[in-house]
């Protein structure tokens, strides 16, 4: 088989298998899924933080070289600002589509009810914004996975196969977390599965681009990695963690912390095994 064929085949298999494994979460009954979903959001928070800080960012610095550390930092900062603007745009769009607290003008005797209703709508918009941003960030990440798989295949076919399998194993827990965020954002199961699958197979795009322009891709690769890291950091810190703070009872806080730590551990171990 031609080298490009190997790259397309294994980037497609890796993206499809990881999304398919994560989609098993959608098969469980609604009652069970509703109970499990908050824990998966906590898990996703830890997974995103771990993937960004223990995987992507160190790899970006290593690839660029220590002398480019400040440039990577600026790219990370620029990515955070970019996703801040993107979220503002998403929130603005939902504000015009739904009831927004700035448009709520309750009667004096119904002020408390109006305030609670506005706050609830604001939380829903933030959840939908998180779902939109995770699709963008995951698309970046999967394109990057395709680039890495292509680079491995262009070094050695056997190395490419091993790398593709490692990426698939690494992606499964993250894809589960992504599905949790999409469902938490109000998406239906079919739509969440379809969009998650589409973003997963963007790895094919990354592999093809890398095959035809590897020299240029390698030059900008550390900065693409930094942008992917910034998207994961922003979603975890600006969107998911504030959502977790909506539950203030001690019991929920303990479980949230434990699942965040579990997400960190799973991604850390997966990343270590991949290397």
Protein backbone atom coordinates (compact mmCIF):
# COMPACT_ATOMS: atom_id res chain seq x y z
CA UNK A 1 0.00 0.00 0.00
CA UNK A 2 1.17 3.54 -0.73
CA UNK A 3 2.38 5.53 2.27
CA UNK A 4 -0.47 8.06 1.92
CA UNK A 5 -2.93 5.15 1.98
CA UNK A 6 -1.48 3.91 5.27
CA UNK A 7 -1.76 7.40 6.75
CA UNK A 8 -5.39 7.86 5.67
CA UNK A 9 -6.37 4.37 6.82
CA UNK A 10 -4.90 4.61 10.30
CA UNK A 11 -5.89 8.21 11.02
CA UNK A 12 -9.46 7.28 10.05
CA UNK A 13 -9.41 4.07 12.12
CA UNK A 14 -7.96 5.88 15.13
CA UNK A 15 -10.55 8.66 15.05
CA UNK A 16 -13.46 6.33 14.37
CA UNK A 17 -12.59 3.72 16.99
CA UNK A 18 -12.05 6.28 19.76
CA UNK A 19 -15.37 7.99 19.01
CA UNK A 20 -17.16 4.63 18.72
CA UNK A 21 -15.80 3.43 22.07
CA UNK A 22 -16.87 6.66 23.72
CA UNK A 23 -20.32 6.44 22.11
CA UNK A 24 -21.09 3.33 24.17
CA UNK A 25 -21.83 5.88 26.90
CA UNK A 26 -24.94 6.88 24.92
CA UNK A 27 -26.39 3.37 25.08
CA UNK A 28 -27.05 3.45 28.81
CA UNK A 29 -30.60 4.34 30.00
CA UNK A 30 -31.51 8.02 30.49
CA UNK A 31 -31.82 7.63 34.26
CA UNK A 32 -28.32 6.19 34.58
CA UNK A 33 -26.84 8.71 32.15
CA UNK A 34 -28.35 11.64 34.08
CA UNK A 35 -26.81 10.36 37.31
CA UNK A 36 -23.42 9.67 35.73
CA UNK A 37 -23.16 12.84 33.61
CA UNK A 38 -22.01 15.21 36.42
CA UNK A 39 -19.21 12.79 37.32
CA UNK A 40 -18.11 12.63 33.69
CA UNK A 41 -17.99 16.43 33.53
CA UNK A 42 -15.66 16.36 36.55
CA UNK A 43 -13.63 13.63 34.85
CA UNK A 44 -13.47 15.73 31.67
CA UNK A 45 -12.17 18.70 33.68
CA UNK A 46 -9.25 16.66 34.98
CA UNK A 47 -8.65 15.09 31.58
CA UNK A 48 -8.49 18.46 29.83
CA UNK A 49 -6.17 19.96 32.43
CA UNK A 50 -3.90 16.92 32.29
CA UNK A 51 -3.86 16.77 28.49
CA UNK A 52 -2.98 20.47 28.28
CA UNK A 53 -0.41 20.78 31.07
CA UNK A 54 1.17 17.32 31.11
CA UNK A 55 0.91 16.43 27.43
CA UNK A 56 0.44 19.20 24.90
CA UNK A 57 2.29 22.12 26.47
CA UNK A 58 5.50 20.21 27.39
CA UNK A 59 5.48 18.69 23.90
CA UNK A 60 5.13 22.16 22.34
CA UNK A 61 8.09 23.49 24.33
CA UNK A 62 10.18 20.41 23.57
CA UNK A 63 9.41 20.61 19.85
CA UNK A 64 10.10 24.34 19.60
CA UNK A 65 13.22 24.25 21.78
CA UNK A 66 13.95 25.96 25.08
CA UNK A 67 14.94 29.15 23.26
CA UNK A 68 11.34 29.44 21.98
CA UNK A 69 9.70 29.07 25.39
CA UNK A 70 8.54 32.70 25.46
CA UNK A 71 7.04 32.36 21.96
CA UNK A 72 5.13 29.27 23.09
CA UNK A 73 3.93 31.19 26.15
CA UNK A 74 2.73 34.06 23.97
CA UNK A 75 0.93 31.59 21.70
CA UNK A 76 -0.72 30.00 24.73
CA UNK A 77 -1.82 33.42 25.97
CA UNK A 78 -3.05 34.38 22.52
CA UNK A 79 -5.03 31.14 22.35
CA UNK A 80 -6.70 31.86 25.70
CA UNK A 81 -7.68 35.33 24.50
CA UNK A 82 -8.93 33.86 21.22
CA UNK A 83 -11.19 31.39 22.99
CA UNK A 84 -12.41 34.15 25.32
CA UNK A 85 -13.54 36.12 22.27
CA UNK A 86 -15.05 33.03 20.65
CA UNK A 87 -17.05 32.26 23.78
CA UNK A 88 -18.25 35.86 23.97
CA UNK A 89 -19.48 35.53 20.40
CA UNK A 90 -21.25 32.24 21.16
CA UNK A 91 -22.86 33.69 24.30
CA UNK A 92 -23.92 36.79 22.36
CA UNK A 93 -25.56 34.61 19.72
CA UNK A 94 -27.46 32.60 22.35
CA UNK A 95 -28.39 35.83 24.14
CA UNK A 96 -30.23 36.92 21.01
CA UNK A 97 -31.82 33.52 20.57
CA UNK A 98 -32.94 32.98 24.18
CA UNK A 99 -33.89 34.98 27.24
CA UNK A 100 -30.83 36.84 28.56
CA UNK A 101 -30.45 38.46 31.97
CA UNK A 102 -29.72 41.81 30.33
CA UNK A 103 -33.13 41.56 28.61
CA UNK A 104 -35.05 40.46 31.70
CA UNK A 105 -37.14 43.23 33.19
CA UNK A 106 -39.26 41.55 35.87
CA UNK A 107 -42.01 43.24 37.82
CA UNK A 108 -40.97 44.40 41.32
CA UNK A 109 -42.99 41.69 43.05
CA UNK A 110 -41.38 39.01 40.84
CA UNK A 111 -37.80 40.26 41.04
CA UNK A 112 -36.45 37.18 42.82
CA UNK A 113 -38.12 34.80 40.40
CA UNK A 114 -36.89 36.79 37.40
CA UNK A 115 -33.35 36.86 38.75
CA UNK A 116 -33.30 33.10 39.30
CA UNK A 117 -34.76 32.50 35.85
CA UNK A 118 -32.15 34.75 34.25
CA UNK A 119 -29.35 33.04 36.18
CA UNK A 120 -30.60 29.64 35.06
CA UNK A 121 -30.69 30.77 31.43
CA UNK A 122 -27.18 32.19 31.76
CA UNK A 123 -25.92 28.82 33.08
CA UNK A 124 -27.58 27.04 30.17
CA UNK A 125 -25.92 29.39 27.68
CA UNK A 126 -22.51 28.77 29.26
CA UNK A 127 -23.05 25.01 28.99
CA UNK A 128 -23.94 25.38 25.31
CA UNK A 129 -20.92 27.62 24.78
CA UNK A 130 -18.69 24.97 26.40
CA UNK A 131 -20.11 22.37 24.01
CA UNK A 132 -19.32 24.59 21.02
CA UNK A 133 -15.80 25.33 22.21
CA UNK A 134 -14.98 21.70 22.97
CA UNK A 135 -15.79 20.84 19.34
CA UNK A 136 -13.40 23.54 18.14
CA UNK A 137 -10.66 22.52 20.56
CA UNK A 138 -11.10 18.82 19.85
CA UNK A 139 -10.93 19.52 16.12
CA UNK A 140 -7.56 21.23 16.65
CA UNK A 141 -6.36 18.34 18.78
CA UNK A 142 -7.43 15.64 16.32
CA UNK A 143 -5.83 17.44 13.38
CA UNK A 144 -2.66 17.48 15.45
CA UNK A 145 -3.02 13.73 16.13
CA UNK A 146 -3.22 13.18 12.39
CA UNK A 147 -0.04 15.19 11.89
CA UNK A 148 1.78 13.13 14.53
CA UNK A 149 0.58 9.83 13.04
CA UNK A 150 1.67 10.94 9.56
CA UNK A 151 5.08 11.97 10.86
CA UNK A 152 5.50 8.52 12.44
CA UNK A 153 4.48 6.74 9.23
CA UNK A 154 6.89 8.86 7.21
CA UNK A 155 9.63 7.68 9.57
CA UNK A 156 8.66 4.00 9.59
CA UNK A 157 5.41 2.16 8.80
CA UNK A 158 5.62 0.00 11.93
CA UNK A 159 6.20 3.09 14.07
CA UNK A 160 3.16 4.66 12.41
CA UNK A 161 0.94 1.71 13.30
CA UNK A 162 2.10 1.75 16.94
CA UNK A 163 1.63 5.52 17.14
CA UNK A 164 -1.88 5.32 15.68
CA UNK A 165 -2.91 2.67 18.21
CA UNK A 166 -1.42 4.68 21.07
CA UNK A 167 -3.26 7.82 19.94
CA UNK A 168 -6.52 5.84 19.75
CA UNK A 169 -6.07 4.52 23.29
CA UNK A 170 -5.18 8.00 24.51
CA UNK A 171 -8.24 9.55 22.85
CA UNK A 172 -10.92 7.21 24.26
CA UNK A 173 -11.17 8.70 27.79
CA UNK A 174 -11.01 12.20 26.35
CA UNK A 175 -13.79 11.44 23.86
CA UNK A 176 -15.98 10.19 26.72
CA UNK A 177 -15.39 13.49 28.47
CA UNK A 178 -16.18 15.41 25.28
CA UNK A 179 -19.49 13.58 24.92
CA UNK A 180 -20.29 14.43 28.53
CA UNK A 181 -19.70 18.12 27.82
CA UNK A 182 -21.85 18.01 24.66
CA UNK A 183 -24.72 16.32 26.50
CA UNK A 184 -24.31 18.72 29.43
CA UNK A 185 -24.64 21.53 26.87
CA UNK A 186 -28.13 20.34 25.96
CA UNK A 187 -27.40 18.37 22.78
CA UNK A 188 -29.38 15.26 21.93
CA UNK A 189 -27.59 11.93 21.85
CA UNK A 190 -27.62 11.56 18.05
CA UNK A 191 -26.35 15.08 17.44
CA UNK A 192 -23.65 14.77 20.10
CA UNK A 193 -22.50 11.45 18.65
CA UNK A 194 -22.49 12.78 15.07
CA UNK A 195 -20.55 15.95 15.88
CA UNK A 196 -18.11 14.06 18.09
CA UNK A 197 -17.48 11.56 15.30
CA UNK A 198 -16.96 14.34 12.73
CA UNK A 199 -14.40 16.10 14.92
CA UNK A 200 -12.67 12.78 15.60
CA UNK A 201 -12.06 12.02 11.92
CA UNK A 202 -10.50 15.44 11.33
CA UNK A 203 -7.32 13.53 12.15
CA UNK A 204 -7.48 12.35 8.51
CA UNK A 205 -7.19 16.00 7.41
CA UNK A 206 -4.15 16.49 9.61
CA UNK A 207 -2.51 13.36 8.24
CA UNK A 208 -3.05 14.33 4.59
CA UNK A 209 -1.83 17.91 5.14
CA UNK A 210 1.25 16.61 6.94
CA UNK A 211 2.03 14.19 4.13
CA UNK A 212 2.05 16.91 1.49
CA UNK A 213 3.62 19.70 3.57
CA UNK A 214 5.57 18.03 6.36
CA UNK A 215 8.40 20.56 6.41
CA UNK A 216 6.04 23.53 6.86
CA UNK A 217 3.84 21.62 9.32
CA UNK A 218 6.82 20.67 11.47
CA UNK A 219 7.86 24.32 11.65
CA UNK A 220 4.52 25.54 13.00
CA UNK A 221 3.60 22.33 14.86
CA UNK A 222 4.69 23.55 18.34
CA UNK A 223 2.45 26.60 18.02
CA UNK A 224 -0.52 24.54 16.86
CA UNK A 225 0.03 22.34 19.93
CA UNK A 226 0.10 25.43 22.16
CA UNK A 227 -3.22 26.64 20.73
CA UNK A 228 -4.76 23.20 21.36
CA UNK A 229 -3.47 23.38 24.95
CA UNK A 230 -4.96 26.84 25.41
CA UNK A 231 -8.37 25.62 24.24
CA UNK A 232 -8.36 22.76 26.75
CA UNK A 233 -7.19 25.04 29.58
CA UNK A 234 -9.81 27.67 28.81
CA UNK A 235 -12.68 25.20 28.67
CA UNK A 236 -11.64 23.52 31.93
CA UNK A 237 -10.95 26.67 33.94
CA UNK A 238 -13.43 29.18 32.50
CA UNK A 239 -16.39 26.92 31.75
CA UNK A 240 -16.36 23.54 33.48
CA UNK A 241 -14.98 24.44 36.91
CA UNK A 242 -17.49 27.31 37.45
CA UNK A 243 -20.21 24.83 36.51
CA UNK A 244 -18.97 22.38 39.13
CA UNK A 245 -19.17 25.14 41.74
CA UNK A 246 -22.95 25.30 41.25
CA UNK A 247 -23.14 22.37 43.67
CA UNK A 248 -21.93 23.59 47.07
CA UNK A 249 -22.66 20.62 49.34
CA UNK A 250 -19.52 18.92 50.75
CA UNK A 251 -20.42 15.50 49.37
CA UNK A 252 -20.61 16.76 45.79
CA UNK A 253 -17.33 18.61 46.23
CA UNK A 254 -15.53 15.47 47.36
CA UNK A 255 -16.81 13.44 44.41
CA UNK A 256 -15.97 16.23 41.99
CA UNK A 257 -12.40 16.37 43.30
CA UNK A 258 -12.00 12.60 43.09
CA UNK A 259 -13.24 12.44 39.50
CA UNK A 260 -11.05 15.38 38.50
CA UNK A 261 -8.04 13.55 39.95
CA UNK A 262 -9.16 10.37 38.15
CA UNK A 263 -9.27 12.28 34.86
CA UNK A 264 -5.75 13.58 35.47
CA UNK A 265 -4.44 10.11 36.30
CA UNK A 266 -6.04 8.38 33.30
CA UNK A 267 -4.69 10.91 30.79
CA UNK A 268 -1.27 10.93 32.48
CA UNK A 269 -1.00 7.13 32.37
CA UNK A 270 -2.30 7.00 28.77
CA UNK A 271 0.21 9.64 27.70
CA UNK A 272 3.04 7.85 29.49
CA UNK A 273 2.20 4.54 27.83
CA UNK A 274 2.07 6.25 24.44
CA UNK A 275 5.67 7.30 24.95
